[in-house]
Amino acid sequence: MFKFRKDNNRAGKLTHQKIHVGCGPKNLLEDWCNVDIRGFPGIDVVMDVTQEWPWKEIEYVYGEHFIEHLSLEGAISFLESAGNSLKAGGKIRVSTPSLEWVLTTHFTFQEADPQVLNETLKTNRAFHGWGHQFLYTKPMLSWLLTTMGYADVTFCQYGESSDPNLRNLERHGGYSESHGFPS
């Protein structure tokens, strides 16, 4: 599924060098091609990003709180499609909840008492309550990306990057760290 939004006057003006995937209606980025599977107002292109992409020679791909909503197989398909569309030296930035952070902030391994039961419910909400299908640890995401052929995999703090085009893109509030793990 792929279509340009006819009601979006920006669609014809975009160069499609910067693709923002899974943006939804509230996290649109100016000067980026905003892509979502649903045709929300402001979306430039409606498509399933786990399928083959119509672009080649893309400079940047960005997705925030997106990849965890895909099954592991869907995430692999997305990364493959994005990677095949990037030009040599192109970059992808994926911002996703850390499984380590979820566990250190939502769960303690103690005897069953009301607090532990509540933490169990909170942990499951973190996994499934927001539509998450797969949460990543830093080693898992690094392994997945390098196995797929991505080079120079770097982990950055929220809003930071060595590339100025990839700084301060995150829009989800409530960023925090717990035990050295970022949310």
N, C-alpha and C. Protein backbone atom coordinates (compact mmCIF):
# COMPACT_ATOMS: atom_id res chain seq x y z
N MET A 1 0.85 -1.18 0.00
CA MET A 1 0.00 0.00 0.00
C MET A 1 0.89 1.23 0.00
N PHE A 2 0.70 2.12 -0.96
CA PHE A 2 1.46 3.35 -1.04
C PHE A 2 0.64 4.37 -1.80
N LYS A 3 0.49 5.55 -1.23
CA LYS A 3 -0.18 6.62 -1.96
C LYS A 3 0.20 7.97 -1.38
N PHE A 4 0.35 8.94 -2.25
CA PHE A 4 0.54 10.31 -1.80
C PHE A 4 -0.80 10.86 -1.38
N ARG A 5 -0.79 11.68 -0.37
CA ARG A 5 -2.02 12.32 0.05
C ARG A 5 -2.35 13.42 -0.95
N LYS A 6 -3.47 13.31 -1.62
CA LYS A 6 -3.88 14.32 -2.60
C LYS A 6 -4.27 15.63 -1.93
N ASP A 7 -4.72 15.54 -0.67
CA ASP A 7 -5.16 16.75 0.02
C ASP A 7 -3.99 17.47 0.70
N ASN A 8 -2.78 17.00 0.50
CA ASN A 8 -1.63 17.62 1.13
C ASN A 8 -0.84 18.39 0.08
N ASN A 9 -0.85 19.71 0.17
CA ASN A 9 -0.19 20.52 -0.85
C ASN A 9 1.33 20.46 -0.75
N ARG A 10 1.87 19.87 0.32
CA ARG A 10 3.33 19.75 0.44
C ARG A 10 3.86 18.56 -0.34
N ALA A 11 3.02 17.57 -0.64
CA ALA A 11 3.49 16.32 -1.24
C ALA A 11 4.28 16.57 -2.52
N GLY A 12 3.86 17.49 -3.34
CA GLY A 12 4.56 17.75 -4.59
C GLY A 12 5.85 18.53 -4.40
N LYS A 13 6.05 19.15 -3.23
CA LYS A 13 7.23 19.97 -2.98
C LYS A 13 8.36 19.22 -2.30
N LEU A 14 8.10 18.04 -1.79
CA LEU A 14 9.10 17.33 -1.03
C LEU A 14 10.12 16.65 -1.93
N THR A 15 11.35 16.66 -1.49
CA THR A 15 12.40 15.98 -2.25
C THR A 15 12.55 14.54 -1.80
N HIS A 16 11.95 14.19 -0.69
CA HIS A 16 11.99 12.83 -0.14
C HIS A 16 13.41 12.38 0.17
N GLN A 17 14.21 13.29 0.67
CA GLN A 17 15.54 12.93 1.15
C GLN A 17 15.53 12.60 2.63
N LYS A 18 14.47 13.02 3.32
CA LYS A 18 14.33 12.78 4.75
C LYS A 18 12.94 12.18 4.99
N ILE A 19 12.91 10.91 5.38
CA ILE A 19 11.65 10.19 5.56
C ILE A 19 11.41 9.96 7.05
N HIS A 20 10.26 10.43 7.54
CA HIS A 20 9.86 10.28 8.94
C HIS A 20 8.74 9.24 8.98
N VAL A 21 9.04 8.05 9.51
CA VAL A 21 8.08 6.95 9.49
C VAL A 21 7.28 6.85 10.78
N GLY A 22 6.04 6.40 10.66
CA GLY A 22 5.19 6.16 11.82
C GLY A 22 4.95 7.39 12.67
N CYS A 23 4.81 8.53 12.02
CA CYS A 23 4.77 9.80 12.76
C CYS A 23 3.42 10.08 13.40
N GLY A 24 2.35 9.52 12.87
CA GLY A 24 1.03 9.85 13.41
C GLY A 24 0.70 11.31 13.14
N PRO A 25 -0.45 11.76 13.62
CA PRO A 25 -0.88 13.13 13.30
C PRO A 25 -0.27 14.22 14.18
N LYS A 26 0.36 13.85 15.30
CA LYS A 26 0.82 14.86 16.25
C LYS A 26 2.33 15.07 16.27
N ASN A 27 3.07 14.30 15.51
CA ASN A 27 4.52 14.39 15.55
C ASN A 27 5.12 14.66 14.18
N LEU A 28 4.44 15.46 13.38
CA LEU A 28 4.91 15.79 12.04
C LEU A 28 6.17 16.64 12.12
N LEU A 29 7.10 16.39 11.22
CA LEU A 29 8.33 17.16 11.16
C LEU A 29 8.36 18.01 9.89
N GLU A 30 8.64 19.27 10.05
CA GLU A 30 8.77 20.20 8.92
C GLU A 30 9.99 19.78 8.11
N ASP A 31 9.89 19.89 6.81
CA ASP A 31 10.98 19.56 5.88
C ASP A 31 11.31 18.08 5.83
N TRP A 32 10.43 17.24 6.33
CA TRP A 32 10.56 15.79 6.24
C TRP A 32 9.32 15.27 5.52
N CYS A 33 9.44 14.15 4.84
CA CYS A 33 8.28 13.47 4.27
C CYS A 33 7.70 12.62 5.40
N ASN A 34 6.55 13.03 5.92
CA ASN A 34 5.90 12.36 7.04
C ASN A 34 5.06 11.19 6.51
N VAL A 35 5.40 9.99 6.98
CA VAL A 35 4.80 8.75 6.47
C VAL A 35 4.12 8.00 7.61
N ASP A 36 2.93 7.50 7.34
CA ASP A 36 2.22 6.67 8.31
C ASP A 36 1.36 5.68 7.54
N ILE A 37 0.97 4.60 8.19
CA ILE A 37 0.11 3.60 7.55
C ILE A 37 -1.34 4.08 7.48
N ARG A 38 -1.64 5.10 8.31
CA ARG A 38 -2.99 5.67 8.31
C ARG A 38 -2.96 7.08 7.74
N GLY A 39 -4.03 7.46 7.06
CA GLY A 39 -4.09 8.75 6.38
C GLY A 39 -4.54 9.89 7.26
N PHE A 40 -3.80 10.17 8.31
CA PHE A 40 -4.11 11.28 9.19
C PHE A 40 -3.89 12.61 8.47
N PRO A 41 -4.55 13.68 8.89
CA PRO A 41 -4.25 15.01 8.34
C PRO A 41 -2.77 15.34 8.55
N GLY A 42 -2.15 15.88 7.52
CA GLY A 42 -0.75 16.26 7.58
C GLY A 42 0.22 15.19 7.12
N ILE A 43 -0.26 13.96 6.97
CA ILE A 43 0.61 12.88 6.49
C ILE A 43 0.85 13.09 5.00
N ASP A 44 2.12 13.04 4.59
CA ASP A 44 2.46 13.24 3.18
C ASP A 44 2.27 11.98 2.36
N VAL A 45 2.64 10.83 2.93
CA VAL A 45 2.54 9.56 2.22
C VAL A 45 1.95 8.51 3.15
N VAL A 46 0.94 7.81 2.65
CA VAL A 46 0.32 6.71 3.39
C VAL A 46 0.88 5.42 2.82
N MET A 47 1.57 4.65 3.67
CA MET A 47 2.14 3.39 3.19
C MET A 47 2.51 2.48 4.35
N ASP A 48 2.62 1.21 4.05
CA ASP A 48 3.11 0.20 4.98
C ASP A 48 4.62 0.14 4.79
N VAL A 49 5.39 0.65 5.75
CA VAL A 49 6.84 0.76 5.59
C VAL A 49 7.56 -0.58 5.74
N THR A 50 6.80 -1.66 5.99
CA THR A 50 7.42 -2.98 6.01
C THR A 50 7.46 -3.58 4.60
N GLN A 51 6.87 -2.87 3.65
CA GLN A 51 6.88 -3.30 2.25
C GLN A 51 7.95 -2.51 1.49
N GLU A 52 8.21 -2.89 0.26
CA GLU A 52 9.23 -2.20 -0.55
C GLU A 52 8.90 -0.71 -0.67
N TRP A 53 9.91 0.12 -0.58
CA TRP A 53 9.74 1.58 -0.62
C TRP A 53 9.86 2.10 -2.04
N PRO A 54 9.16 3.21 -2.35
CA PRO A 54 9.23 3.78 -3.70
C PRO A 54 10.44 4.70 -3.91
N TRP A 55 11.23 4.94 -2.85
CA TRP A 55 12.33 5.89 -2.94
C TRP A 55 13.67 5.18 -2.99
N LYS A 56 14.62 5.84 -3.62
CA LYS A 56 16.02 5.42 -3.63
C LYS A 56 16.85 6.65 -3.32
N GLU A 57 18.03 6.42 -2.81
CA GLU A 57 18.98 7.51 -2.53
C GLU A 57 18.49 8.46 -1.44
N ILE A 58 17.82 7.92 -0.44
CA ILE A 58 17.36 8.72 0.70
C ILE A 58 18.57 9.04 1.58
N GLU A 59 18.59 10.23 2.13
CA GLU A 59 19.68 10.62 3.00
C GLU A 59 19.41 10.22 4.46
N TYR A 60 18.14 10.37 4.92
CA TYR A 60 17.80 10.10 6.31
C TYR A 60 16.47 9.37 6.42
N VAL A 61 16.40 8.46 7.39
CA VAL A 61 15.15 7.83 7.80
C VAL A 61 15.08 7.98 9.32
N TYR A 62 13.92 8.38 9.82
CA TYR A 62 13.75 8.58 11.25
C TYR A 62 12.42 8.00 11.70
N GLY A 63 12.44 7.31 12.83
CA GLY A 63 11.23 6.79 13.44
C GLY A 63 11.34 6.85 14.95
N GLU A 64 10.37 7.48 15.60
CA GLU A 64 10.36 7.61 17.06
C GLU A 64 9.19 6.84 17.64
N HIS A 65 9.47 6.01 18.62
CA HIS A 65 8.44 5.19 19.26
C HIS A 65 7.57 4.54 18.19
N PHE A 66 8.24 3.86 17.29
CA PHE A 66 7.59 3.26 16.13
C PHE A 66 7.93 1.78 15.99
N ILE A 67 9.22 1.45 15.98
CA ILE A 67 9.64 0.09 15.66
C ILE A 67 9.10 -0.94 16.66
N GLU A 68 8.87 -0.51 17.90
CA GLU A 68 8.35 -1.44 18.91
C GLU A 68 6.89 -1.81 18.65
N HIS A 69 6.22 -1.11 17.75
CA HIS A 69 4.84 -1.42 17.39
C HIS A 69 4.76 -2.47 16.28
N LEU A 70 5.92 -2.85 15.75
CA LEU A 70 5.99 -3.88 14.72
C LEU A 70 6.38 -5.21 15.36
N SER A 71 5.93 -6.29 14.77
CA SER A 71 6.45 -7.59 15.18
C SER A 71 7.93 -7.61 14.84
N LEU A 72 8.68 -8.55 15.39
CA LEU A 72 10.11 -8.64 15.06
C LEU A 72 10.29 -8.83 13.55
N GLU A 73 9.45 -9.65 12.95
CA GLU A 73 9.52 -9.87 11.50
C GLU A 73 9.22 -8.58 10.74
N GLY A 74 8.22 -7.82 11.21
CA GLY A 74 7.89 -6.54 10.59
C GLY A 74 9.02 -5.54 10.72
N ALA A 75 9.68 -5.53 11.89
CA ALA A 75 10.81 -4.63 12.10
C ALA A 75 11.95 -4.96 11.15
N ILE A 76 12.21 -6.25 10.96
CA ILE A 76 13.26 -6.66 10.03
C ILE A 76 12.91 -6.22 8.62
N SER A 77 11.66 -6.38 8.22
CA SER A 77 11.22 -5.93 6.89
C SER A 77 11.35 -4.42 6.74
N PHE A 78 10.97 -3.67 7.77
CA PHE A 78 11.12 -2.21 7.75
C PHE A 78 12.59 -1.83 7.59
N LEU A 79 13.46 -2.41 8.42
CA LEU A 79 14.89 -2.07 8.35
C LEU A 79 15.49 -2.44 7.00
N GLU A 80 15.04 -3.53 6.43
CA GLU A 80 15.52 -3.94 5.11
C GLU A 80 15.05 -2.94 4.04
N SER A 81 13.77 -2.58 4.07
CA SER A 81 13.24 -1.62 3.08
C SER A 81 13.91 -0.26 3.23
N ALA A 82 14.08 0.20 4.46
CA ALA A 82 14.73 1.49 4.70
C ALA A 82 16.17 1.43 4.23
N GLY A 83 16.88 0.37 4.60
CA GLY A 83 18.28 0.22 4.20
C GLY A 83 18.46 0.18 2.70
N ASN A 84 17.56 -0.50 2.00
CA ASN A 84 17.64 -0.56 0.54
C ASN A 84 17.36 0.79 -0.11
N SER A 85 16.69 1.68 0.59
CA SER A 85 16.36 2.99 0.05
C SER A 85 17.40 4.06 0.39
N LEU A 86 18.26 3.79 1.37
CA LEU A 86 19.26 4.78 1.75
C LEU A 86 20.38 4.86 0.71
N LYS A 87 20.85 6.07 0.48
CA LYS A 87 22.01 6.22 -0.39
C LYS A 87 23.25 5.83 0.40
N ALA A 88 24.37 5.66 -0.28
CA ALA A 88 25.62 5.37 0.41
C ALA A 88 25.89 6.50 1.40
N GLY A 89 26.15 6.16 2.63
CA GLY A 89 26.37 7.17 3.66
C GLY A 89 25.10 7.69 4.30
N GLY A 90 23.94 7.23 3.84
CA GLY A 90 22.67 7.64 4.43
C GLY A 90 22.56 7.10 5.85
N LYS A 91 21.68 7.69 6.64
CA LYS A 91 21.57 7.33 8.05
C LYS A 91 20.13 7.07 8.44
N ILE A 92 19.99 6.16 9.40
CA ILE A 92 18.69 5.88 9.99
C ILE A 92 18.80 6.14 11.48
N ARG A 93 17.79 6.80 12.04
CA ARG A 93 17.72 7.01 13.49
C ARG A 93 16.42 6.38 13.97
N VAL A 94 16.55 5.48 14.94
CA VAL A 94 15.41 4.80 15.52
C VAL A 94 15.42 5.09 17.01
N SER A 95 14.36 5.69 17.49
CA SER A 95 14.21 5.98 18.91
C SER A 95 13.10 5.07 19.43
N THR A 96 13.43 4.23 20.41
CA THR A 96 12.49 3.22 20.87
C THR A 96 12.64 3.02 22.37
N PRO A 97 11.57 2.65 23.07
CA PRO A 97 11.71 2.38 24.50
C PRO A 97 12.72 1.26 24.76
N SER A 98 13.48 1.40 25.79
CA SER A 98 14.49 0.42 26.18
C SER A 98 13.85 -0.63 27.09
N LEU A 99 14.01 -1.87 26.73
CA LEU A 99 13.48 -2.95 27.57
C LEU A 99 14.12 -2.91 28.96
N GLU A 100 15.41 -2.58 29.01
CA GLU A 100 16.07 -2.48 30.31
C GLU A 100 15.40 -1.41 31.18
N TRP A 101 15.08 -0.27 30.58
CA TRP A 101 14.42 0.81 31.33
C TRP A 101 13.05 0.36 31.82
N VAL A 102 12.30 -0.30 30.96
CA VAL A 102 10.96 -0.77 31.35
C VAL A 102 11.07 -1.69 32.56
N LEU A 103 12.00 -2.62 32.52
CA LEU A 103 12.13 -3.56 33.64
C LEU A 103 12.60 -2.88 34.92
N THR A 104 13.56 -1.94 34.81
CA THR A 104 14.06 -1.31 36.04
C THR A 104 13.07 -0.31 36.63
N THR A 105 12.16 0.19 35.84
CA THR A 105 11.19 1.17 36.35
C THR A 105 9.83 0.58 36.66
N HIS A 106 9.52 -0.59 36.13
CA HIS A 106 8.19 -1.15 36.28
C HIS A 106 8.13 -2.45 37.08
N PHE A 107 9.28 -2.99 37.45
CA PHE A 107 9.21 -4.32 38.05
C PHE A 107 10.31 -4.54 39.07
N THR A 108 9.95 -5.17 40.17
CA THR A 108 10.91 -5.66 41.15
C THR A 108 10.63 -7.13 41.34
N PHE A 109 11.67 -7.87 41.60
CA PHE A 109 11.54 -9.31 41.75
C PHE A 109 11.47 -9.63 43.24
N GLN A 110 10.28 -9.51 43.81
CA GLN A 110 10.06 -9.76 45.23
C GLN A 110 8.88 -10.71 45.38
N GLU A 111 8.64 -11.08 46.63
CA GLU A 111 7.49 -11.92 46.92
C GLU A 111 6.21 -11.20 46.51
N ALA A 112 5.20 -11.97 46.21
CA ALA A 112 3.92 -11.38 45.77
C ALA A 112 3.30 -10.56 46.90
N ASP A 113 3.14 -9.30 46.64
CA ASP A 113 2.40 -8.40 47.51
C ASP A 113 1.70 -7.41 46.58
N PRO A 114 0.86 -6.56 47.10
CA PRO A 114 0.13 -5.65 46.20
C PRO A 114 1.04 -4.81 45.30
N GLN A 115 2.22 -4.39 45.80
CA GLN A 115 3.12 -3.59 44.97
C GLN A 115 3.66 -4.42 43.80
N VAL A 116 4.06 -5.65 44.05
CA VAL A 116 4.58 -6.51 42.99
C VAL A 116 3.48 -6.81 41.97
N LEU A 117 2.28 -7.06 42.46
CA LEU A 117 1.17 -7.31 41.53
C LEU A 117 0.91 -6.09 40.66
N ASN A 118 0.94 -4.90 41.26
CA ASN A 118 0.77 -3.66 40.51
C ASN A 118 1.89 -3.48 39.48
N GLU A 119 3.13 -3.80 39.88
CA GLU A 119 4.26 -3.68 38.96
C GLU A 119 4.14 -4.66 37.80
N THR A 120 3.60 -5.84 38.06
CA THR A 120 3.36 -6.81 37.00
C THR A 120 2.39 -6.25 35.98
N LEU A 121 1.33 -5.63 36.46
CA LEU A 121 0.35 -5.02 35.55
C LEU A 121 0.99 -3.87 34.78
N LYS A 122 1.80 -3.04 35.43
CA LYS A 122 2.47 -1.92 34.76
C LYS A 122 3.44 -2.42 33.69
N THR A 123 4.15 -3.50 33.98
CA THR A 123 5.09 -4.06 33.01
C THR A 123 4.36 -4.54 31.77
N ASN A 124 3.26 -5.24 31.97
CA ASN A 124 2.49 -5.71 30.82
C ASN A 124 1.88 -4.55 30.04
N ARG A 125 1.49 -3.49 30.74
CA ARG A 125 0.99 -2.31 30.04
C ARG A 125 2.09 -1.70 29.19
N ALA A 126 3.32 -1.67 29.70
CA ALA A 126 4.43 -1.14 28.94
C ALA A 126 4.68 -1.95 27.67
N PHE A 127 4.44 -3.24 27.75
CA PHE A 127 4.63 -4.08 26.57
C PHE A 127 3.45 -3.97 25.60
N HIS A 128 2.26 -4.18 26.10
CA HIS A 128 1.11 -4.33 25.21
C HIS A 128 0.09 -3.19 25.28
N GLY A 129 0.07 -2.47 26.37
CA GLY A 129 -0.95 -1.44 26.56
C GLY A 129 -0.88 -0.32 25.55
N TRP A 130 0.30 -0.07 25.00
CA TRP A 130 0.46 0.99 24.00
C TRP A 130 0.60 0.41 22.61
N GLY A 131 0.24 -0.85 22.46
CA GLY A 131 0.33 -1.48 21.14
C GLY A 131 1.72 -1.99 20.79
N HIS A 132 2.60 -2.09 21.77
CA HIS A 132 3.94 -2.60 21.51
C HIS A 132 3.88 -4.09 21.21
N GLN A 133 4.70 -4.51 20.27
CA GLN A 133 4.78 -5.93 19.95
C GLN A 133 6.13 -6.52 20.30
N PHE A 134 7.17 -5.69 20.31
CA PHE A 134 8.51 -6.20 20.61
C PHE A 134 9.35 -5.05 21.14
N LEU A 135 9.87 -5.18 22.35
CA LEU A 135 10.75 -4.15 22.92
C LEU A 135 12.19 -4.64 22.84
N TYR A 136 13.10 -3.71 22.60
CA TYR A 136 14.49 -4.03 22.33
C TYR A 136 15.40 -3.67 23.50
N THR A 137 16.39 -4.52 23.72
CA THR A 137 17.51 -4.16 24.56
C THR A 137 18.56 -3.56 23.64
N LYS A 138 19.48 -2.82 24.20
CA LYS A 138 20.57 -2.23 23.42
C LYS A 138 21.35 -3.32 22.66
N PRO A 139 21.73 -4.43 23.33
CA PRO A 139 22.45 -5.47 22.59
C PRO A 139 21.62 -6.09 21.46
N MET A 140 20.32 -6.29 21.68
CA MET A 140 19.47 -6.89 20.65
C MET A 140 19.36 -5.97 19.44
N LEU A 141 19.11 -4.69 19.66
CA LEU A 141 18.96 -3.75 18.55
C LEU A 141 20.29 -3.60 17.80
N SER A 142 21.38 -3.53 18.53
CA SER A 142 22.71 -3.43 17.90
C SER A 142 22.99 -4.67 17.05
N TRP A 143 22.74 -5.84 17.61
CA TRP A 143 22.96 -7.09 16.87
C TRP A 143 22.10 -7.14 15.61
N LEU A 144 20.82 -6.79 15.75
CA LEU A 144 19.91 -6.82 14.61
C LEU A 144 20.41 -5.91 13.49
N LEU A 145 20.75 -4.67 13.83
CA LEU A 145 21.19 -3.70 12.81
C LEU A 145 22.50 -4.13 12.15
N THR A 146 23.48 -4.57 12.94
CA THR A 146 24.76 -4.96 12.33
C THR A 146 24.62 -6.23 11.52
N THR A 147 23.79 -7.16 11.98
CA THR A 147 23.56 -8.39 11.21
C THR A 147 22.92 -8.08 9.86
N MET A 148 22.09 -7.04 9.82
CA MET A 148 21.42 -6.66 8.57
C MET A 148 22.31 -5.82 7.67
N GLY A 149 23.52 -5.49 8.14
CA GLY A 149 24.46 -4.76 7.29
C GLY A 149 24.57 -3.28 7.58
N TYR A 150 23.87 -2.78 8.59
CA TYR A 150 24.03 -1.38 8.95
C TYR A 150 25.41 -1.19 9.58
N ALA A 151 26.10 -0.14 9.18
CA ALA A 151 27.45 0.13 9.68
C ALA A 151 27.41 1.29 10.66
N ASP A 152 28.41 1.38 11.49
CA ASP A 152 28.56 2.50 12.43
C ASP A 152 27.32 2.68 13.30
N VAL A 153 26.81 1.61 13.88
CA VAL A 153 25.66 1.69 14.78
C VAL A 153 26.10 2.44 16.04
N THR A 154 25.41 3.53 16.33
CA THR A 154 25.75 4.38 17.46
C THR A 154 24.50 4.62 18.29
N PHE A 155 24.64 4.57 19.60
CA PHE A 155 23.53 4.88 20.49
C PHE A 155 23.75 6.28 21.04
N CYS A 156 22.73 7.11 20.95
CA CYS A 156 22.81 8.50 21.37
C CYS A 156 21.77 8.78 22.45
N GLN A 157 22.00 9.80 23.22
CA GLN A 157 21.02 10.25 24.19
C GLN A 157 19.84 10.88 23.45
N TYR A 158 18.74 11.00 24.16
CA TYR A 158 17.52 11.61 23.64
C TYR A 158 17.84 12.98 23.03
N GLY A 159 17.49 13.17 21.77
CA GLY A 159 17.67 14.45 21.09
C GLY A 159 19.08 14.73 20.62
N GLU A 160 20.03 13.86 20.89
CA GLU A 160 21.42 14.11 20.52
C GLU A 160 21.83 13.25 19.33
N SER A 161 22.79 13.76 18.55
CA SER A 161 23.37 13.03 17.43
C SER A 161 24.62 13.77 16.97
N SER A 162 25.56 13.04 16.41
CA SER A 162 26.72 13.70 15.82
C SER A 162 26.33 14.38 14.51
N ASP A 163 25.20 14.01 13.94
CA ASP A 163 24.70 14.62 12.71
C ASP A 163 23.64 15.67 13.08
N PRO A 164 23.85 16.93 12.76
CA PRO A 164 22.90 17.98 13.13
C PRO A 164 21.49 17.76 12.59
N ASN A 165 21.35 17.05 11.47
CA ASN A 165 20.03 16.78 10.90
C ASN A 165 19.23 15.77 11.71
N LEU A 166 19.90 15.07 12.62
CA LEU A 166 19.22 14.06 13.42
C LEU A 166 19.13 14.45 14.89
N ARG A 167 19.37 15.70 15.21
CA ARG A 167 19.27 16.19 16.59
C ARG A 167 17.89 16.77 16.86
N ASN A 168 17.46 16.63 18.09
CA ASN A 168 16.22 17.25 18.58
C ASN A 168 14.99 16.90 17.76
N LEU A 169 14.92 15.66 17.30
CA LEU A 169 13.76 15.21 16.53
C LEU A 169 12.68 14.60 17.42
N GLU A 170 13.07 14.03 18.55
CA GLU A 170 12.11 13.34 19.41
C GLU A 170 11.03 14.30 19.91
N ARG A 171 9.79 13.78 19.94
CA ARG A 171 8.65 14.57 20.38
C ARG A 171 7.92 13.96 21.57
N HIS A 172 8.21 12.68 21.88
CA HIS A 172 7.56 12.03 23.01
C HIS A 172 8.09 12.61 24.31
N GLY A 173 7.21 13.01 25.17
CA GLY A 173 7.60 13.57 26.46
C GLY A 173 7.92 12.49 27.46
N GLY A 174 8.33 12.93 28.62
CA GLY A 174 8.56 12.01 29.72
C GLY A 174 9.85 11.23 29.66
N TYR A 175 10.86 11.73 28.94
CA TYR A 175 12.13 11.03 28.87
C TYR A 175 12.75 10.97 30.27
N SER A 176 13.31 9.82 30.61
CA SER A 176 14.01 9.67 31.89
C SER A 176 15.03 8.55 31.75
N GLU A 177 15.86 8.43 32.78
CA GLU A 177 16.82 7.32 32.86
C GLU A 177 16.61 6.62 34.19
N SER A 178 16.86 5.32 34.18
CA SER A 178 16.79 4.53 35.41
C SER A 178 17.92 3.51 35.38
N HIS A 179 18.76 3.53 36.40
CA HIS A 179 19.89 2.60 36.50
C HIS A 179 20.77 2.67 35.25
N GLY A 180 20.89 3.85 34.65
CA GLY A 180 21.73 4.03 33.46
C GLY A 180 21.06 3.68 32.15
N PHE A 181 19.79 3.29 32.20
CA PHE A 181 19.07 2.92 30.98
C PHE A 181 18.09 4.04 30.61
N PRO A 182 18.13 4.49 29.34
CA PRO A 182 17.20 5.56 28.92
C PRO A 182 15.83 4.99 28.59
N SER A 183 14.80 5.80 28.80
CA SER A 183 13.46 5.38 28.44
C SER A 183 13.30 5.42 26.93
